[in-house]
Amino acid sequence: GAKLLWKGELSLAPLTAIGFMMISLLVVLRLYALPPVNIYFQKDLYDFATYAKKLGKDTRLAAYEINQPSIAFYAARRVPKVEKARTCDIKEYAKAGKLLVITQKAKAGELAEFQGLKPIAERGKYVLLGNIPDAPPFDPAQP
């Protein structure tokens, strides 16, 4: 066996077949298995972002202490990421008009000083806060 490797007499057909099977597996995973898994993990953020999208461009959406670029994609707009050290930005956004903030439930207490922000919905480990008194009810089933 080892002598065959050194003489270059080993057939490449089995290695080619293994390579083809690996590529096929990756394609199948990428097209059929991973999208549902990604949707499962991103569903709550997707629902919050599409809710903001329904409210229109005059409603600002911000993410507090969350680094999820997919929120901007789902909301079809720029979504500023606000860090704990920059909570003053939230006050400025709220002064400018309608504001929605997506954050983790564990971080929501850090925004308690902004009395205008009230919980609109909670899903999984996330909460959607807003300063919109006449906001429509959060219903992810409605497109």
C-alpha atoms as a PDB file:
ATOM      1  CA  GLY A   1       0.000   0.000   0.000  1.00  0.00           C
ATOM      2  CA  ALA A   2       2.621   2.565   1.019  1.00  0.00           C
ATOM      3  CA  LYS A   3       4.796   1.703  -1.983  1.00  0.00           C
ATOM      4  CA  LEU A   4       1.913   2.571  -4.281  1.00  0.00           C
ATOM      5  CA  LEU A   5       1.588   6.047  -2.777  1.00  0.00           C
ATOM      6  CA  TRP A   6       5.217   6.862  -3.331  1.00  0.00           C
ATOM      7  CA  LYS A   7       5.251   5.609  -6.917  1.00  0.00           C
ATOM      8  CA  GLY A   8       2.194   7.677  -7.840  1.00  0.00           C
ATOM      9  CA  GLU A   9       0.235   4.602  -8.897  1.00  0.00           C
ATOM     10  CA  LEU A  10      -2.734   5.365  -6.612  1.00  0.00           C
ATOM     11  CA  SER A  11      -5.925   6.025  -8.550  1.00  0.00           C
ATOM     12  CA  LEU A  12      -7.470   9.471  -8.087  1.00  0.00           C
ATOM     13  CA  ALA A  13     -10.986   8.179  -8.781  1.00  0.00           C
ATOM     14  CA  PRO A  14     -11.836   7.473  -5.093  1.00  0.00           C
ATOM     15  CA  LEU A  15     -10.531  10.886  -4.012  1.00  0.00           C
ATOM     16  CA  THR A  16     -12.481  12.588  -6.784  1.00  0.00           C
ATOM     17  CA  ALA A  17     -15.633  10.735  -5.738  1.00  0.00           C
ATOM     18  CA  ILE A  18     -15.149  11.747  -2.103  1.00  0.00           C
ATOM     19  CA  GLY A  19     -14.576  15.364  -3.143  1.00  0.00           C
ATOM     20  CA  PHE A  20     -17.697  15.355  -5.296  1.00  0.00           C
ATOM     21  CA  MET A  21     -19.739  13.871  -2.429  1.00  0.00           C
ATOM     22  CA  MET A  22     -18.444  16.538  -0.023  1.00  0.00           C
ATOM     23  CA  ILE A  23     -19.321  19.361  -2.424  1.00  0.00           C
ATOM     24  CA  SER A  24     -22.754  17.825  -3.005  1.00  0.00           C
ATOM     25  CA  LEU A  25     -23.331  17.605   0.747  1.00  0.00           C
ATOM     26  CA  LEU A  26     -22.350  21.247   1.222  1.00  0.00           C
ATOM     27  CA  VAL A  27     -24.685  22.357  -1.568  1.00  0.00           C
ATOM     28  CA  VAL A  28     -27.597  20.376  -0.124  1.00  0.00           C
ATOM     29  CA  LEU A  29     -26.946  21.763   3.362  1.00  0.00           C
ATOM     30  CA  ARG A  30     -26.671  25.319   2.082  1.00  0.00           C
ATOM     31  CA  LEU A  31     -29.838  25.151  -0.002  1.00  0.00           C
ATOM     32  CA  TYR A  32     -32.135  22.996   2.102  1.00  0.00           C
ATOM     33  CA  ALA A  33     -30.955  22.512   5.672  1.00  0.00           C
ATOM     34  CA  LEU A  34     -29.381  25.792   6.754  1.00  0.00           C
ATOM     35  CA  PRO A  35     -32.115  28.273   5.692  1.00  0.00           C
ATOM     36  CA  PRO A  36     -34.730  26.794   8.058  1.00  0.00           C
ATOM     37  CA  VAL A  37     -32.179  26.738  10.875  1.00  0.00           C
ATOM     38  CA  ASN A  38     -31.277  30.370  10.192  1.00  0.00           C
ATOM     39  CA  ILE A  39     -34.948  31.349  10.100  1.00  0.00           C
ATOM     40  CA  TYR A  40     -35.475  29.600  13.421  1.00  0.00           C
ATOM     41  CA  PHE A  41     -32.678  31.583  15.079  1.00  0.00           C
ATOM     42  CA  GLN A  42     -33.553  34.899  13.388  1.00  0.00           C
ATOM     43  CA  LYS A  43     -37.372  34.673  13.490  1.00  0.00           C
ATOM     44  CA  ASP A  44     -37.892  37.036  16.417  1.00  0.00           C
ATOM     45  CA  LEU A  45     -35.607  39.688  14.945  1.00  0.00           C
ATOM     46  CA  TYR A  46     -37.260  39.209  11.551  1.00  0.00           C
ATOM     47  CA  ASP A  47     -40.727  39.746  13.059  1.00  0.00           C
ATOM     48  CA  PHE A  48     -39.644  42.900  14.914  1.00  0.00           C
ATOM     49  CA  ALA A  49     -37.889  44.337  11.853  1.00  0.00           C
ATOM     50  CA  THR A  50     -40.837  43.686   9.544  1.00  0.00           C
ATOM     51  CA  TYR A  51     -43.157  45.289  12.112  1.00  0.00           C
ATOM     52  CA  ALA A  52     -40.961  48.400  11.991  1.00  0.00           C
ATOM     53  CA  LYS A  53     -40.969  48.242   8.204  1.00  0.00           C
ATOM     54  CA  LYS A  54     -44.788  48.241   8.206  1.00  0.00           C
ATOM     55  CA  LEU A  55     -44.825  51.399  10.343  1.00  0.00           C
ATOM     56  CA  GLY A  56     -42.925  53.272   7.632  1.00  0.00           C
ATOM     57  CA  LYS A  57     -39.703  55.200   7.235  1.00  0.00           C
ATOM     58  CA  ASP A  58     -40.788  57.929   9.670  1.00  0.00           C
ATOM     59  CA  THR A  59     -40.387  55.403  12.496  1.00  0.00           C
ATOM     60  CA  ARG A  60     -36.731  55.032  13.459  1.00  0.00           C
ATOM     61  CA  LEU A  61     -35.517  51.578  14.403  1.00  0.00           C
ATOM     62  CA  ALA A  62     -32.465  51.074  16.619  1.00  0.00           C
ATOM     63  CA  ALA A  63     -30.751  48.015  18.079  1.00  0.00           C
ATOM     64  CA  TYR A  64     -29.515  48.356  21.650  1.00  0.00           C
ATOM     65  CA  GLU A  65     -26.520  46.172  22.558  1.00  0.00           C
ATOM     66  CA  ILE A  66     -27.294  43.773  19.688  1.00  0.00           C
ATOM     67  CA  ASN A  67     -24.934  43.142  16.799  1.00  0.00           C
ATOM     68  CA  GLN A  68     -27.234  41.557  14.218  1.00  0.00           C
ATOM     69  CA  PRO A  69     -26.818  43.099  10.747  1.00  0.00           C
ATOM     70  CA  SER A  70     -29.785  41.049   9.553  1.00  0.00           C
ATOM     71  CA  ILE A  71     -32.126  43.501  11.330  1.00  0.00           C
ATOM     72  CA  ALA A  72     -31.234  46.216   8.819  1.00  0.00           C
ATOM     73  CA  PHE A  73     -31.747  43.794   5.951  1.00  0.00           C
ATOM     74  CA  TYR A  74     -35.181  42.701   7.186  1.00  0.00           C
ATOM     75  CA  ALA A  75     -36.285  46.260   7.956  1.00  0.00           C
ATOM     76  CA  ALA A  76     -34.933  47.540   4.609  1.00  0.00           C
ATOM     77  CA  ARG A  77     -33.317  50.544   6.272  1.00  0.00           C
ATOM     78  CA  ARG A  78     -30.299  51.662   8.242  1.00  0.00           C
ATOM     79  CA  VAL A  79     -30.510  50.497  11.861  1.00  0.00           C
ATOM     80  CA  PRO A  80     -28.100  52.221  14.243  1.00  0.00           C
ATOM     81  CA  LYS A  81     -26.498  49.999  16.861  1.00  0.00           C
ATOM     82  CA  VAL A  82     -26.531  51.775  20.200  1.00  0.00           C
ATOM     83  CA  GLU A  83     -24.024  50.737  22.868  1.00  0.00           C
ATOM     84  CA  LYS A  84     -24.519  51.158  26.603  1.00  0.00           C
ATOM     85  CA  ALA A  85     -22.088  54.076  26.701  1.00  0.00           C
ATOM     86  CA  ARG A  86     -24.164  55.909  24.071  1.00  0.00           C
ATOM     87  CA  THR A  87     -27.698  55.649  25.481  1.00  0.00           C
ATOM     88  CA  CYS A  88     -27.946  59.407  25.007  1.00  0.00           C
ATOM     89  CA  ASP A  89     -28.437  58.580  21.312  1.00  0.00           C
ATOM     90  CA  ILE A  90     -31.729  56.909  22.202  1.00  0.00           C
ATOM     91  CA  LYS A  91     -32.904  60.106  23.880  1.00  0.00           C
ATOM     92  CA  GLU A  92     -32.049  62.054  20.718  1.00  0.00           C
ATOM     93  CA  TYR A  93     -33.804  59.519  18.486  1.00  0.00           C
ATOM     94  CA  ALA A  94     -36.909  59.673  20.689  1.00  0.00           C
ATOM     95  CA  LYS A  95     -36.941  63.481  20.541  1.00  0.00           C
ATOM     96  CA  ALA A  96     -36.837  63.308  16.754  1.00  0.00           C
ATOM     97  CA  GLY A  97     -40.050  61.265  16.545  1.00  0.00           C
ATOM     98  CA  LYS A  98     -41.304  57.706  16.555  1.00  0.00           C
ATOM     99  CA  LEU A  99     -38.757  55.205  17.818  1.00  0.00           C
ATOM    100  CA  LEU A 100     -38.572  51.436  18.103  1.00  0.00           C
ATOM    101  CA  VAL A 101     -35.711  49.727  19.917  1.00  0.00           C
ATOM    102  CA  ILE A 102     -34.868  46.032  19.707  1.00  0.00           C
ATOM    103  CA  THR A 103     -32.844  44.680  22.586  1.00  0.00           C
ATOM    104  CA  GLN A 104     -32.383  41.568  24.684  1.00  0.00           C
ATOM    105  CA  LYS A 105     -34.793  41.140  27.573  1.00  0.00           C
ATOM    106  CA  ALA A 106     -31.831  41.143  29.955  1.00  0.00           C
ATOM    107  CA  LYS A 107     -30.764  44.587  28.681  1.00  0.00           C
ATOM    108  CA  ALA A 108     -34.223  46.212  28.635  1.00  0.00           C
ATOM    109  CA  GLY A 109     -33.842  47.425  32.231  1.00  0.00           C
ATOM    110  CA  GLU A 110     -30.906  49.587  31.152  1.00  0.00           C
ATOM    111  CA  LEU A 111     -33.380  51.646  29.090  1.00  0.00           C
ATOM    112  CA  ALA A 112     -35.847  52.175  31.972  1.00  0.00           C
ATOM    113  CA  GLU A 113     -34.725  55.793  32.341  1.00  0.00           C
ATOM    114  CA  PHE A 114     -36.464  56.570  29.050  1.00  0.00           C
ATOM    115  CA  GLN A 115     -40.057  56.668  30.301  1.00  0.00           C
ATOM    116  CA  GLY A 116     -41.416  57.048  26.774  1.00  0.00           C
ATOM    117  CA  LEU A 117     -40.167  53.604  25.757  1.00  0.00           C
ATOM    118  CA  LYS A 118     -42.773  50.970  26.524  1.00  0.00           C
ATOM    119  CA  PRO A 119     -42.685  47.261  25.689  1.00  0.00           C
ATOM    120  CA  ILE A 120     -44.588  46.508  22.498  1.00  0.00           C
ATOM    121  CA  ALA A 121     -43.737  42.819  22.221  1.00  0.00           C
ATOM    122  CA  GLU A 122     -41.496  40.111  23.657  1.00  0.00           C
ATOM    123  CA  ARG A 123     -40.332  37.147  21.630  1.00  0.00           C
ATOM    124  CA  GLY A 124     -37.719  34.608  22.665  1.00  0.00           C
ATOM    125  CA  LYS A 125     -34.822  36.449  24.281  1.00  0.00           C
ATOM    126  CA  TYR A 126     -35.674  39.789  22.636  1.00  0.00           C
ATOM    127  CA  VAL A 127     -38.011  42.659  23.418  1.00  0.00           C
ATOM    128  CA  LEU A 128     -39.324  45.446  21.179  1.00  0.00           C
ATOM    129  CA  LEU A 129     -39.674  48.806  22.908  1.00  0.00           C
ATOM    130  CA  GLY A 130     -41.298  51.876  21.423  1.00  0.00           C
ATOM    131  CA  ASN A 131     -42.499  55.407  22.098  1.00  0.00           C
ATOM    132  CA  ILE A 132     -45.515  55.119  19.779  1.00  0.00           C
ATOM    133  CA  PRO A 133     -48.742  55.333  21.814  1.00  0.00           C
ATOM    134  CA  ASP A 134     -51.001  54.633  18.822  1.00  0.00           C
ATOM    135  CA  ALA A 135     -48.868  51.811  17.407  1.00  0.00           C
ATOM    136  CA  PRO A 136     -50.808  48.960  15.853  1.00  0.00           C
ATOM    137  CA  PRO A 137     -50.706  45.717  17.815  1.00  0.00           C
ATOM    138  CA  PHE A 138     -47.735  43.494  17.148  1.00  0.00           C
ATOM    139  CA  ASP A 139     -48.977  40.572  15.083  1.00  0.00           C
ATOM    140  CA  PRO A 140     -46.256  38.686  13.204  1.00  0.00           C
ATOM    141  CA  ALA A 141     -48.905  36.672  11.337  1.00  0.00           C
ATOM    142  CA  GLN A 142     -49.968  39.746   9.381  1.00  0.00           C
ATOM    143  CA  PRO A 143     -47.747  40.642   6.417  1.00  0.00           C
END
